[in-house]
Amino acid sequence: MSDLTPRRVSATVRYAVTAGFVAVASVLVIVSIRAGITAAAIVIGSLGLLWILLTLGNYGFSPRVRDRYLEVTTAIGRQSLDLAALSGARWERGRSGSVSVRLQDDRTAVIVSIPVPAQVYPHLKDALHAAATRGVLVPQRVTRLFNLPDIPGAPRTGASFVPVIVGVLAGALVVGVVMGLLASN
């Protein structure tokens, strides 16, 4: 048994940090617009949307494996994913053509960009193979990324709800800014 404690950032903390950032960004955008600095408002709004995407998506940078955990650095701290309890995977392609994989265990999910460091790749491959053996439907594009056999009945890429959440929050940010501007006139 390992005495390594996983580093977890709960979904509640991610949502709270994001909500706080959205509130601060909204106030800064309104203040910038009222001061006549529209360029600052655009920059602040853009950074706010990027922060929402990074935080809610739980994008991970600098992946490494410690014991049975995949550790990544996210926008709000280190996050550990239990590779032995992998319960889902999803393939994603970014607008720039980059590919990432969203991995999920029973308590958290992280998104890592492909290619991963050479020392991490075999651990991810083994964890995905073990998950598929346990009956987890690993999407075809993920199995092909890691040279694993396709699982009959597996989806092509997997479902994604992050764009919907980001869209709703971005809409709320825009509505808040517009309401603030209307109330100030």
N, C-alpha and C. Protein backbone atom coordinates (compact mmCIF):
# COMPACT_ATOMS: atom_id res chain seq x y z
N MET A 1 0.83 -1.20 0.00
CA MET A 1 0.00 0.00 0.00
C MET A 1 0.87 1.25 0.00
N SER A 2 0.41 2.22 -0.67
CA SER A 2 1.13 3.48 -0.77
C SER A 2 0.56 4.49 0.23
N ASP A 3 1.45 5.33 0.76
CA ASP A 3 1.00 6.37 1.67
C ASP A 3 0.86 7.72 0.94
N LEU A 4 0.91 7.68 -0.38
CA LEU A 4 0.77 8.89 -1.18
C LEU A 4 -0.68 9.37 -1.13
N THR A 5 -0.87 10.62 -0.77
CA THR A 5 -2.21 11.20 -0.73
C THR A 5 -2.46 11.94 -2.03
N PRO A 6 -3.56 11.62 -2.72
CA PRO A 6 -3.84 12.32 -3.97
C PRO A 6 -4.21 13.78 -3.72
N ARG A 7 -3.84 14.62 -4.65
CA ARG A 7 -4.19 16.04 -4.58
C ARG A 7 -5.48 16.23 -5.36
N ARG A 8 -6.50 16.70 -4.68
CA ARG A 8 -7.81 16.86 -5.32
C ARG A 8 -8.30 18.29 -5.18
N VAL A 9 -8.84 18.82 -6.25
CA VAL A 9 -9.55 20.09 -6.24
C VAL A 9 -10.98 19.72 -6.59
N SER A 10 -11.88 19.86 -5.63
CA SER A 10 -13.25 19.41 -5.85
C SER A 10 -13.96 20.28 -6.89
N ALA A 11 -14.99 19.71 -7.47
CA ALA A 11 -15.79 20.45 -8.46
C ALA A 11 -16.41 21.69 -7.83
N THR A 12 -16.81 21.58 -6.57
CA THR A 12 -17.41 22.72 -5.87
C THR A 12 -16.43 23.88 -5.79
N VAL A 13 -15.18 23.58 -5.47
CA VAL A 13 -14.16 24.63 -5.40
C VAL A 13 -13.93 25.23 -6.78
N ARG A 14 -13.86 24.38 -7.81
CA ARG A 14 -13.68 24.89 -9.18
C ARG A 14 -14.81 25.83 -9.56
N TYR A 15 -16.06 25.43 -9.27
CA TYR A 15 -17.21 26.27 -9.60
C TYR A 15 -17.20 27.57 -8.79
N ALA A 16 -16.84 27.49 -7.51
CA ALA A 16 -16.80 28.69 -6.67
C ALA A 16 -15.73 29.66 -7.15
N VAL A 17 -14.55 29.15 -7.48
CA VAL A 17 -13.47 30.01 -7.97
C VAL A 17 -13.88 30.65 -9.30
N THR A 18 -14.49 29.86 -10.17
CA THR A 18 -14.93 30.38 -11.46
C THR A 18 -16.01 31.45 -11.28
N ALA A 19 -16.98 31.19 -10.41
CA ALA A 19 -18.04 32.18 -10.17
C ALA A 19 -17.46 33.48 -9.61
N GLY A 20 -16.51 33.37 -8.69
CA GLY A 20 -15.86 34.55 -8.15
C GLY A 20 -15.10 35.32 -9.22
N PHE A 21 -14.40 34.59 -10.08
CA PHE A 21 -13.66 35.24 -11.15
C PHE A 21 -14.60 35.91 -12.14
N VAL A 22 -15.72 35.26 -12.46
CA VAL A 22 -16.70 35.85 -13.37
C VAL A 22 -17.25 37.14 -12.76
N ALA A 23 -17.53 37.12 -11.47
CA ALA A 23 -18.06 38.33 -10.81
C ALA A 23 -17.05 39.47 -10.87
N VAL A 24 -15.78 39.18 -10.55
CA VAL A 24 -14.75 40.21 -10.58
C VAL A 24 -14.53 40.70 -12.01
N ALA A 25 -14.48 39.77 -12.98
CA ALA A 25 -14.28 40.16 -14.37
C ALA A 25 -15.44 41.02 -14.87
N SER A 26 -16.66 40.68 -14.46
CA SER A 26 -17.82 41.47 -14.88
C SER A 26 -17.73 42.90 -14.36
N VAL A 27 -17.36 43.05 -13.11
CA VAL A 27 -17.21 44.39 -12.53
C VAL A 27 -16.11 45.16 -13.25
N LEU A 28 -14.98 44.50 -13.52
CA LEU A 28 -13.88 45.17 -14.21
C LEU A 28 -14.27 45.57 -15.63
N VAL A 29 -15.03 44.72 -16.32
CA VAL A 29 -15.49 45.06 -17.68
C VAL A 29 -16.41 46.27 -17.62
N ILE A 30 -17.35 46.28 -16.68
CA ILE A 30 -18.28 47.42 -16.55
C ILE A 30 -17.52 48.70 -16.22
N VAL A 31 -16.58 48.63 -15.30
CA VAL A 31 -15.78 49.82 -14.94
C VAL A 31 -14.97 50.30 -16.14
N SER A 32 -14.39 49.36 -16.89
CA SER A 32 -13.59 49.74 -18.07
C SER A 32 -14.45 50.41 -19.12
N ILE A 33 -15.64 49.87 -19.36
CA ILE A 33 -16.54 50.46 -20.36
C ILE A 33 -17.00 51.84 -19.91
N ARG A 34 -17.34 51.97 -18.64
CA ARG A 34 -17.78 53.28 -18.13
C ARG A 34 -16.66 54.31 -18.20
N ALA A 35 -15.41 53.85 -18.07
CA ALA A 35 -14.28 54.77 -18.15
C ALA A 35 -13.88 55.04 -19.60
N GLY A 36 -14.55 54.36 -20.54
CA GLY A 36 -14.26 54.59 -21.95
C GLY A 36 -13.08 53.79 -22.47
N ILE A 37 -12.67 52.78 -21.76
CA ILE A 37 -11.52 51.96 -22.19
C ILE A 37 -12.06 50.63 -22.73
N THR A 38 -12.53 50.66 -23.94
CA THR A 38 -13.14 49.44 -24.51
C THR A 38 -12.11 48.36 -24.77
N ALA A 39 -10.87 48.71 -25.08
CA ALA A 39 -9.83 47.70 -25.31
C ALA A 39 -9.59 46.89 -24.04
N ALA A 40 -9.56 47.57 -22.90
CA ALA A 40 -9.39 46.87 -21.63
C ALA A 40 -10.56 45.95 -21.35
N ALA A 41 -11.77 46.40 -21.67
CA ALA A 41 -12.96 45.57 -21.47
C ALA A 41 -12.90 44.31 -22.31
N ILE A 42 -12.43 44.43 -23.55
CA ILE A 42 -12.32 43.26 -24.43
C ILE A 42 -11.27 42.30 -23.89
N VAL A 43 -10.14 42.82 -23.45
CA VAL A 43 -9.08 41.95 -22.91
C VAL A 43 -9.56 41.25 -21.65
N ILE A 44 -10.18 41.98 -20.74
CA ILE A 44 -10.66 41.39 -19.50
C ILE A 44 -11.72 40.34 -19.79
N GLY A 45 -12.65 40.63 -20.69
CA GLY A 45 -13.68 39.66 -21.06
C GLY A 45 -13.09 38.41 -21.68
N SER A 46 -12.10 38.57 -22.55
CA SER A 46 -11.45 37.43 -23.18
C SER A 46 -10.71 36.57 -22.16
N LEU A 47 -9.98 37.23 -21.27
CA LEU A 47 -9.28 36.49 -20.22
C LEU A 47 -10.27 35.78 -19.30
N GLY A 48 -11.41 36.41 -19.05
CA GLY A 48 -12.44 35.78 -18.23
C GLY A 48 -12.96 34.51 -18.87
N LEU A 49 -13.22 34.55 -20.17
CA LEU A 49 -13.69 33.34 -20.87
C LEU A 49 -12.61 32.26 -20.88
N LEU A 50 -11.35 32.64 -21.06
CA LEU A 50 -10.26 31.67 -21.02
C LEU A 50 -10.17 31.02 -19.64
N TRP A 51 -10.29 31.84 -18.59
CA TRP A 51 -10.23 31.30 -17.23
C TRP A 51 -11.38 30.31 -17.00
N ILE A 52 -12.57 30.65 -17.45
CA ILE A 52 -13.72 29.75 -17.30
C ILE A 52 -13.43 28.42 -17.97
N LEU A 53 -12.92 28.47 -19.19
CA LEU A 53 -12.63 27.25 -19.93
C LEU A 53 -11.57 26.41 -19.22
N LEU A 54 -10.49 27.05 -18.78
CA LEU A 54 -9.41 26.32 -18.11
C LEU A 54 -9.86 25.73 -16.79
N THR A 55 -10.62 26.48 -16.02
CA THR A 55 -11.01 26.01 -14.69
C THR A 55 -12.09 24.94 -14.75
N LEU A 56 -13.14 25.18 -15.50
CA LEU A 56 -14.22 24.19 -15.55
C LEU A 56 -13.80 22.95 -16.31
N GLY A 57 -12.99 23.11 -17.33
CA GLY A 57 -12.53 21.96 -18.08
C GLY A 57 -11.48 21.17 -17.33
N ASN A 58 -10.86 21.76 -16.34
CA ASN A 58 -9.80 21.14 -15.55
C ASN A 58 -8.64 20.71 -16.46
N TYR A 59 -8.21 21.64 -17.32
CA TYR A 59 -7.09 21.37 -18.21
C TYR A 59 -5.83 21.19 -17.40
N GLY A 60 -5.10 20.14 -17.72
CA GLY A 60 -3.88 19.82 -16.99
C GLY A 60 -2.63 20.05 -17.81
N PHE A 61 -1.64 20.61 -17.17
CA PHE A 61 -0.35 20.85 -17.78
C PHE A 61 0.70 20.10 -16.97
N SER A 62 1.83 19.84 -17.56
CA SER A 62 2.95 19.15 -16.90
C SER A 62 2.51 17.84 -16.24
N PRO A 63 1.97 16.91 -17.02
CA PRO A 63 1.54 15.64 -16.42
C PRO A 63 2.73 14.81 -15.95
N ARG A 64 2.53 14.12 -14.84
CA ARG A 64 3.51 13.18 -14.33
C ARG A 64 2.76 12.09 -13.58
N VAL A 65 3.41 10.97 -13.40
CA VAL A 65 2.79 9.86 -12.69
C VAL A 65 3.52 9.67 -11.37
N ARG A 66 2.74 9.65 -10.28
CA ARG A 66 3.26 9.38 -8.94
C ARG A 66 2.46 8.21 -8.40
N ASP A 67 3.14 7.10 -8.19
CA ASP A 67 2.50 5.87 -7.74
C ASP A 67 1.43 5.49 -8.76
N ARG A 68 0.17 5.45 -8.36
CA ARG A 68 -0.90 5.10 -9.31
C ARG A 68 -1.70 6.33 -9.76
N TYR A 69 -1.20 7.51 -9.47
CA TYR A 69 -1.92 8.75 -9.77
C TYR A 69 -1.25 9.53 -10.91
N LEU A 70 -2.08 10.03 -11.80
CA LEU A 70 -1.64 10.98 -12.81
C LEU A 70 -1.82 12.36 -12.18
N GLU A 71 -0.74 13.10 -12.03
CA GLU A 71 -0.81 14.45 -11.46
C GLU A 71 -0.59 15.48 -12.55
N VAL A 72 -1.43 16.49 -12.56
CA VAL A 72 -1.31 17.58 -13.51
C VAL A 72 -1.44 18.90 -12.77
N THR A 73 -0.91 19.96 -13.36
CA THR A 73 -1.09 21.30 -12.82
C THR A 73 -2.27 21.91 -13.56
N THR A 74 -3.28 22.38 -12.81
CA THR A 74 -4.45 23.03 -13.41
C THR A 74 -4.40 24.51 -13.08
N ALA A 75 -5.40 25.25 -13.54
CA ALA A 75 -5.45 26.69 -13.31
C ALA A 75 -5.54 27.03 -11.83
N ILE A 76 -6.05 26.11 -11.01
CA ILE A 76 -6.18 26.42 -9.57
C ILE A 76 -5.44 25.42 -8.68
N GLY A 77 -4.42 24.77 -9.19
CA GLY A 77 -3.60 23.91 -8.35
C GLY A 77 -3.35 22.54 -8.96
N ARG A 78 -2.60 21.72 -8.20
CA ARG A 78 -2.30 20.35 -8.64
C ARG A 78 -3.53 19.49 -8.47
N GLN A 79 -3.71 18.57 -9.40
CA GLN A 79 -4.86 17.67 -9.39
C GLN A 79 -4.36 16.26 -9.67
N SER A 80 -4.85 15.29 -8.90
CA SER A 80 -4.48 13.89 -9.09
C SER A 80 -5.66 13.10 -9.62
N LEU A 81 -5.38 12.18 -10.51
CA LEU A 81 -6.38 11.29 -11.07
C LEU A 81 -5.91 9.87 -10.81
N ASP A 82 -6.77 9.06 -10.23
CA ASP A 82 -6.44 7.68 -9.90
C ASP A 82 -6.50 6.82 -11.16
N LEU A 83 -5.33 6.43 -11.68
CA LEU A 83 -5.28 5.64 -12.91
C LEU A 83 -5.85 4.24 -12.70
N ALA A 84 -5.79 3.73 -11.48
CA ALA A 84 -6.32 2.39 -11.21
C ALA A 84 -7.85 2.39 -11.20
N ALA A 85 -8.46 3.56 -11.05
CA ALA A 85 -9.92 3.66 -11.00
C ALA A 85 -10.47 4.45 -12.18
N LEU A 86 -9.76 4.44 -13.30
CA LEU A 86 -10.19 5.17 -14.48
C LEU A 86 -11.57 4.69 -14.90
N SER A 87 -12.51 5.66 -15.03
CA SER A 87 -13.89 5.27 -15.34
C SER A 87 -14.42 5.90 -16.63
N GLY A 88 -13.59 6.65 -17.32
CA GLY A 88 -14.05 7.24 -18.56
C GLY A 88 -12.93 7.98 -19.27
N ALA A 89 -13.09 8.11 -20.58
CA ALA A 89 -12.14 8.85 -21.40
C ALA A 89 -12.91 9.48 -22.55
N ARG A 90 -12.39 10.57 -23.06
CA ARG A 90 -13.01 11.24 -24.19
C ARG A 90 -11.92 11.91 -25.02
N TRP A 91 -12.07 11.87 -26.32
CA TRP A 91 -11.15 12.47 -27.26
C TRP A 91 -11.66 13.84 -27.66
N GLU A 92 -10.76 14.84 -27.73
CA GLU A 92 -11.16 16.19 -28.13
C GLU A 92 -10.12 16.77 -29.07
N ARG A 93 -10.60 17.49 -30.09
CA ARG A 93 -9.69 18.20 -30.99
C ARG A 93 -9.93 19.69 -30.81
N GLY A 94 -8.85 20.43 -30.59
CA GLY A 94 -8.95 21.87 -30.44
C GLY A 94 -9.02 22.56 -31.79
N ARG A 95 -9.33 23.83 -31.78
CA ARG A 95 -9.43 24.59 -33.03
C ARG A 95 -8.08 24.70 -33.73
N SER A 96 -7.02 24.66 -32.95
CA SER A 96 -5.69 24.77 -33.55
C SER A 96 -5.21 23.44 -34.13
N GLY A 97 -6.02 22.40 -33.98
CA GLY A 97 -5.63 21.09 -34.49
C GLY A 97 -5.02 20.20 -33.42
N SER A 98 -4.83 20.74 -32.22
CA SER A 98 -4.26 19.93 -31.14
C SER A 98 -5.27 18.89 -30.68
N VAL A 99 -4.77 17.82 -30.12
CA VAL A 99 -5.62 16.74 -29.62
C VAL A 99 -5.41 16.63 -28.12
N SER A 100 -6.51 16.44 -27.40
CA SER A 100 -6.42 16.21 -25.96
C SER A 100 -7.36 15.08 -25.58
N VAL A 101 -7.09 14.52 -24.41
CA VAL A 101 -7.90 13.42 -23.89
C VAL A 101 -8.38 13.81 -22.51
N ARG A 102 -9.68 13.67 -22.29
CA ARG A 102 -10.27 13.91 -20.97
C ARG A 102 -10.36 12.56 -20.27
N LEU A 103 -9.71 12.45 -19.14
CA LEU A 103 -9.71 11.22 -18.35
C LEU A 103 -10.50 11.46 -17.07
N GLN A 104 -11.20 10.44 -16.62
CA GLN A 104 -12.08 10.59 -15.46
C GLN A 104 -11.94 9.38 -14.54
N ASP A 105 -11.91 9.66 -13.23
CA ASP A 105 -12.02 8.59 -12.25
C ASP A 105 -13.30 8.82 -11.46
N ASP A 106 -13.45 8.18 -10.34
CA ASP A 106 -14.70 8.30 -9.59
C ASP A 106 -14.88 9.65 -8.90
N ARG A 107 -13.83 10.47 -8.81
CA ARG A 107 -13.94 11.73 -8.07
C ARG A 107 -13.61 12.98 -8.87
N THR A 108 -12.90 12.84 -9.97
CA THR A 108 -12.48 14.02 -10.71
C THR A 108 -12.24 13.68 -12.18
N ALA A 109 -11.97 14.69 -12.96
CA ALA A 109 -11.62 14.52 -14.36
C ALA A 109 -10.58 15.57 -14.73
N VAL A 110 -9.67 15.21 -15.60
CA VAL A 110 -8.67 16.16 -16.08
C VAL A 110 -8.54 16.00 -17.59
N ILE A 111 -8.08 17.06 -18.23
CA ILE A 111 -7.85 17.04 -19.67
C ILE A 111 -6.35 17.24 -19.89
N VAL A 112 -5.74 16.32 -20.64
CA VAL A 112 -4.31 16.42 -20.95
C VAL A 112 -4.13 16.49 -22.46
N SER A 113 -3.16 17.28 -22.88
CA SER A 113 -2.84 17.40 -24.30
C SER A 113 -1.98 16.23 -24.74
N ILE A 114 -2.22 15.81 -25.97
CA ILE A 114 -1.44 14.74 -26.58
C ILE A 114 -0.49 15.40 -27.56
N PRO A 115 0.77 15.06 -27.61
CA PRO A 115 1.41 13.95 -26.93
C PRO A 115 1.76 14.29 -25.48
N VAL A 116 1.75 13.27 -24.64
CA VAL A 116 2.16 13.40 -23.26
C VAL A 116 3.63 13.03 -23.17
N PRO A 117 4.31 13.38 -22.09
CA PRO A 117 5.72 12.99 -21.95
C PRO A 117 5.90 11.47 -22.06
N ALA A 118 7.05 11.07 -22.56
CA ALA A 118 7.33 9.65 -22.80
C ALA A 118 7.19 8.79 -21.54
N GLN A 119 7.52 9.34 -20.37
CA GLN A 119 7.42 8.56 -19.15
C GLN A 119 5.97 8.40 -18.67
N VAL A 120 5.04 9.21 -19.17
CA VAL A 120 3.64 9.16 -18.78
C VAL A 120 2.84 8.25 -19.72
N TYR A 121 3.21 8.23 -20.99
CA TYR A 121 2.46 7.49 -22.01
C TYR A 121 2.17 6.03 -21.64
N PRO A 122 3.17 5.23 -21.24
CA PRO A 122 2.87 3.82 -20.94
C PRO A 122 1.89 3.65 -19.77
N HIS A 123 1.94 4.56 -18.80
CA HIS A 123 1.01 4.47 -17.67
C HIS A 123 -0.43 4.75 -18.12
N LEU A 124 -0.59 5.75 -19.00
CA LEU A 124 -1.92 6.04 -19.52
C LEU A 124 -2.42 4.88 -20.37
N LYS A 125 -1.56 4.33 -21.19
CA LYS A 125 -1.94 3.21 -22.04
C LYS A 125 -2.39 2.02 -21.20
N ASP A 126 -1.62 1.70 -20.16
CA ASP A 126 -1.99 0.58 -19.27
C ASP A 126 -3.30 0.85 -18.54
N ALA A 127 -3.49 2.09 -18.09
CA ALA A 127 -4.72 2.42 -17.36
C ALA A 127 -5.94 2.34 -18.28
N LEU A 128 -5.80 2.81 -19.51
CA LEU A 128 -6.91 2.72 -20.47
C LEU A 128 -7.21 1.27 -20.82
N HIS A 129 -6.17 0.47 -20.98
CA HIS A 129 -6.37 -0.95 -21.29
C HIS A 129 -7.08 -1.64 -20.12
N ALA A 130 -6.65 -1.35 -18.89
CA ALA A 130 -7.29 -1.95 -17.70
C ALA A 130 -8.74 -1.50 -17.59
N ALA A 131 -9.01 -0.24 -17.88
CA ALA A 131 -10.39 0.27 -17.82
C ALA A 131 -11.25 -0.43 -18.86
N ALA A 132 -10.71 -0.60 -20.06
CA ALA A 132 -11.46 -1.29 -21.11
C ALA A 132 -11.73 -2.74 -20.71
N THR A 133 -10.78 -3.37 -20.06
CA THR A 133 -10.96 -4.74 -19.59
C THR A 133 -12.06 -4.83 -18.53
N ARG A 134 -12.19 -3.77 -17.70
CA ARG A 134 -13.24 -3.73 -16.68
C ARG A 134 -14.61 -3.39 -17.27
N GLY A 135 -14.67 -3.06 -18.55
CA GLY A 135 -15.95 -2.77 -19.18
C GLY A 135 -16.21 -1.31 -19.46
N VAL A 136 -15.25 -0.43 -19.22
CA VAL A 136 -15.41 0.98 -19.54
C VAL A 136 -15.34 1.13 -21.06
N LEU A 137 -16.31 1.82 -21.65
CA LEU A 137 -16.31 2.02 -23.09
C LEU A 137 -15.37 3.17 -23.44
N VAL A 138 -14.15 2.84 -23.77
CA VAL A 138 -13.15 3.83 -24.16
C VAL A 138 -13.39 4.16 -25.64
N PRO A 139 -13.61 5.43 -25.98
CA PRO A 139 -13.90 5.80 -27.36
C PRO A 139 -12.84 5.32 -28.34
N GLN A 140 -13.26 5.09 -29.57
CA GLN A 140 -12.38 4.55 -30.60
C GLN A 140 -11.18 5.45 -30.86
N ARG A 141 -11.38 6.74 -30.88
CA ARG A 141 -10.25 7.64 -31.16
C ARG A 141 -9.21 7.61 -30.04
N VAL A 142 -9.65 7.38 -28.81
CA VAL A 142 -8.71 7.27 -27.71
C VAL A 142 -7.93 5.97 -27.81
N THR A 143 -8.63 4.87 -28.10
CA THR A 143 -7.92 3.58 -28.22
C THR A 143 -6.91 3.64 -29.36
N ARG A 144 -7.24 4.34 -30.43
CA ARG A 144 -6.30 4.44 -31.56
C ARG A 144 -5.10 5.32 -31.23
N LEU A 145 -5.31 6.35 -30.39
CA LEU A 145 -4.18 7.19 -29.96
C LEU A 145 -3.15 6.39 -29.18
N PHE A 146 -3.64 5.41 -28.42
CA PHE A 146 -2.76 4.62 -27.56
C PHE A 146 -2.52 3.21 -28.10
N ASN A 147 -2.82 3.00 -29.38
CA ASN A 147 -2.59 1.71 -30.04
C ASN A 147 -3.22 0.54 -29.28
N LEU A 148 -4.46 0.73 -28.86
CA LEU A 148 -5.21 -0.32 -28.18
C LEU A 148 -6.28 -0.84 -29.14
N PRO A 149 -6.75 -2.07 -28.93
CA PRO A 149 -7.81 -2.57 -29.80
C PRO A 149 -9.12 -1.81 -29.55
N ASP A 150 -9.88 -1.61 -30.63
CA ASP A 150 -11.19 -0.96 -30.50
C ASP A 150 -12.13 -1.84 -29.68
N ILE A 151 -13.01 -1.18 -28.93
CA ILE A 151 -13.98 -1.89 -28.11
C ILE A 151 -15.31 -1.89 -28.86
N PRO A 152 -15.91 -3.05 -29.10
CA PRO A 152 -17.18 -3.07 -29.81
C PRO A 152 -18.24 -2.26 -29.06
N GLY A 153 -18.94 -1.42 -29.79
CA GLY A 153 -20.00 -0.59 -29.20
C GLY A 153 -19.52 0.70 -28.58
N ALA A 154 -18.21 0.95 -28.59
CA ALA A 154 -17.69 2.18 -28.01
C ALA A 154 -18.00 3.36 -28.91
N PRO A 155 -18.27 4.54 -28.32
CA PRO A 155 -18.53 5.72 -29.15
C PRO A 155 -17.26 6.14 -29.89
N ARG A 156 -17.44 6.96 -30.89
CA ARG A 156 -16.29 7.40 -31.68
C ARG A 156 -15.38 8.33 -30.90
N THR A 157 -15.95 9.36 -30.23
CA THR A 157 -15.13 10.33 -29.51
C THR A 157 -15.54 10.50 -28.05
N GLY A 158 -16.77 10.22 -27.68
CA GLY A 158 -17.27 10.47 -26.34
C GLY A 158 -18.02 11.78 -26.29
N ALA A 159 -18.85 11.99 -25.27
CA ALA A 159 -19.68 13.20 -25.16
C ALA A 159 -18.94 14.27 -24.37
N SER A 160 -19.25 15.54 -24.67
CA SER A 160 -18.63 16.66 -23.98
C SER A 160 -19.69 17.68 -23.56
N PHE A 161 -19.70 18.02 -22.27
CA PHE A 161 -20.64 19.01 -21.76
C PHE A 161 -19.94 20.32 -21.43
N VAL A 162 -18.61 20.37 -21.50
CA VAL A 162 -17.87 21.58 -21.15
C VAL A 162 -18.25 22.75 -22.06
N PRO A 163 -18.36 22.57 -23.38
CA PRO A 163 -18.76 23.72 -24.21
C PRO A 163 -20.12 24.29 -23.83
N VAL A 164 -21.05 23.44 -23.42
CA VAL A 164 -22.37 23.92 -23.02
C VAL A 164 -22.24 24.76 -21.75
N ILE A 165 -21.50 24.27 -20.78
CA ILE A 165 -21.32 25.00 -19.52
C ILE A 165 -20.62 26.33 -19.77
N VAL A 166 -19.55 26.31 -20.58
CA VAL A 166 -18.82 27.54 -20.89
C VAL A 166 -19.73 28.52 -21.63
N GLY A 167 -20.55 28.02 -22.55
CA GLY A 167 -21.48 28.88 -23.27
C GLY A 167 -22.49 29.55 -22.36
N VAL A 168 -23.03 28.78 -21.41
CA VAL A 168 -23.99 29.34 -20.46
C VAL A 168 -23.33 30.42 -19.60
N LEU A 169 -22.12 30.13 -19.10
CA LEU A 169 -21.43 31.12 -18.27
C LEU A 169 -21.02 32.35 -19.08
N ALA A 170 -20.59 32.14 -20.32
CA ALA A 170 -20.24 33.28 -21.17
C ALA A 170 -21.48 34.14 -21.44
N GLY A 171 -22.60 33.48 -21.69
CA GLY A 171 -23.85 34.21 -21.88
C GLY A 171 -24.24 34.99 -20.64
N ALA A 172 -24.07 34.38 -19.47
CA ALA A 172 -24.37 35.07 -18.22
C ALA A 172 -23.46 36.28 -18.03
N LEU A 173 -22.20 36.13 -18.42
CA LEU A 173 -21.26 37.25 -18.33
C LEU A 173 -21.71 38.41 -19.22
N VAL A 174 -22.08 38.09 -20.46
CA VAL A 174 -22.52 39.14 -21.39
C VAL A 174 -23.80 39.80 -20.90
N VAL A 175 -24.77 39.00 -20.44
CA VAL A 175 -26.03 39.55 -19.93
C VAL A 175 -25.75 40.44 -18.72
N GLY A 176 -24.86 40.01 -17.84
CA GLY A 176 -24.51 40.81 -16.67
C GLY A 176 -23.90 42.14 -17.04
N VAL A 177 -23.00 42.12 -18.02
CA VAL A 177 -22.37 43.37 -18.47
C VAL A 177 -23.41 44.30 -19.09
N VAL A 178 -24.27 43.76 -19.95
CA VAL A 178 -25.30 44.58 -20.59
C VAL A 178 -26.24 45.16 -19.54
N MET A 179 -26.68 44.35 -18.58
CA MET A 179 -27.57 44.84 -17.53
C MET A 179 -26.88 45.93 -16.70
N GLY A 180 -25.61 45.75 -16.44
CA GLY A 180 -24.86 46.75 -15.69
C GLY A 180 -24.76 48.06 -16.44
N LEU A 181 -24.53 47.97 -17.75
CA LEU A 181 -24.45 49.18 -18.56
C LEU A 181 -25.79 49.89 -18.66
N LEU A 182 -26.86 49.11 -18.81
CA LEU A 182 -28.19 49.71 -18.88
C LEU A 182 -28.59 50.35 -17.57
N ALA A 183 -28.23 49.73 -16.46
CA ALA A 183 -28.57 50.26 -15.15
C ALA A 183 -27.78 51.54 -14.84
N SER A 184 -26.60 51.65 -15.43
CA SER A 184 -25.77 52.82 -15.14
C SER A 184 -26.17 54.04 -15.94
N ASN A 185 -26.96 53.87 -16.97
CA ASN A 185 -27.37 55.03 -17.82
C ASN A 185 -28.60 55.66 -17.33
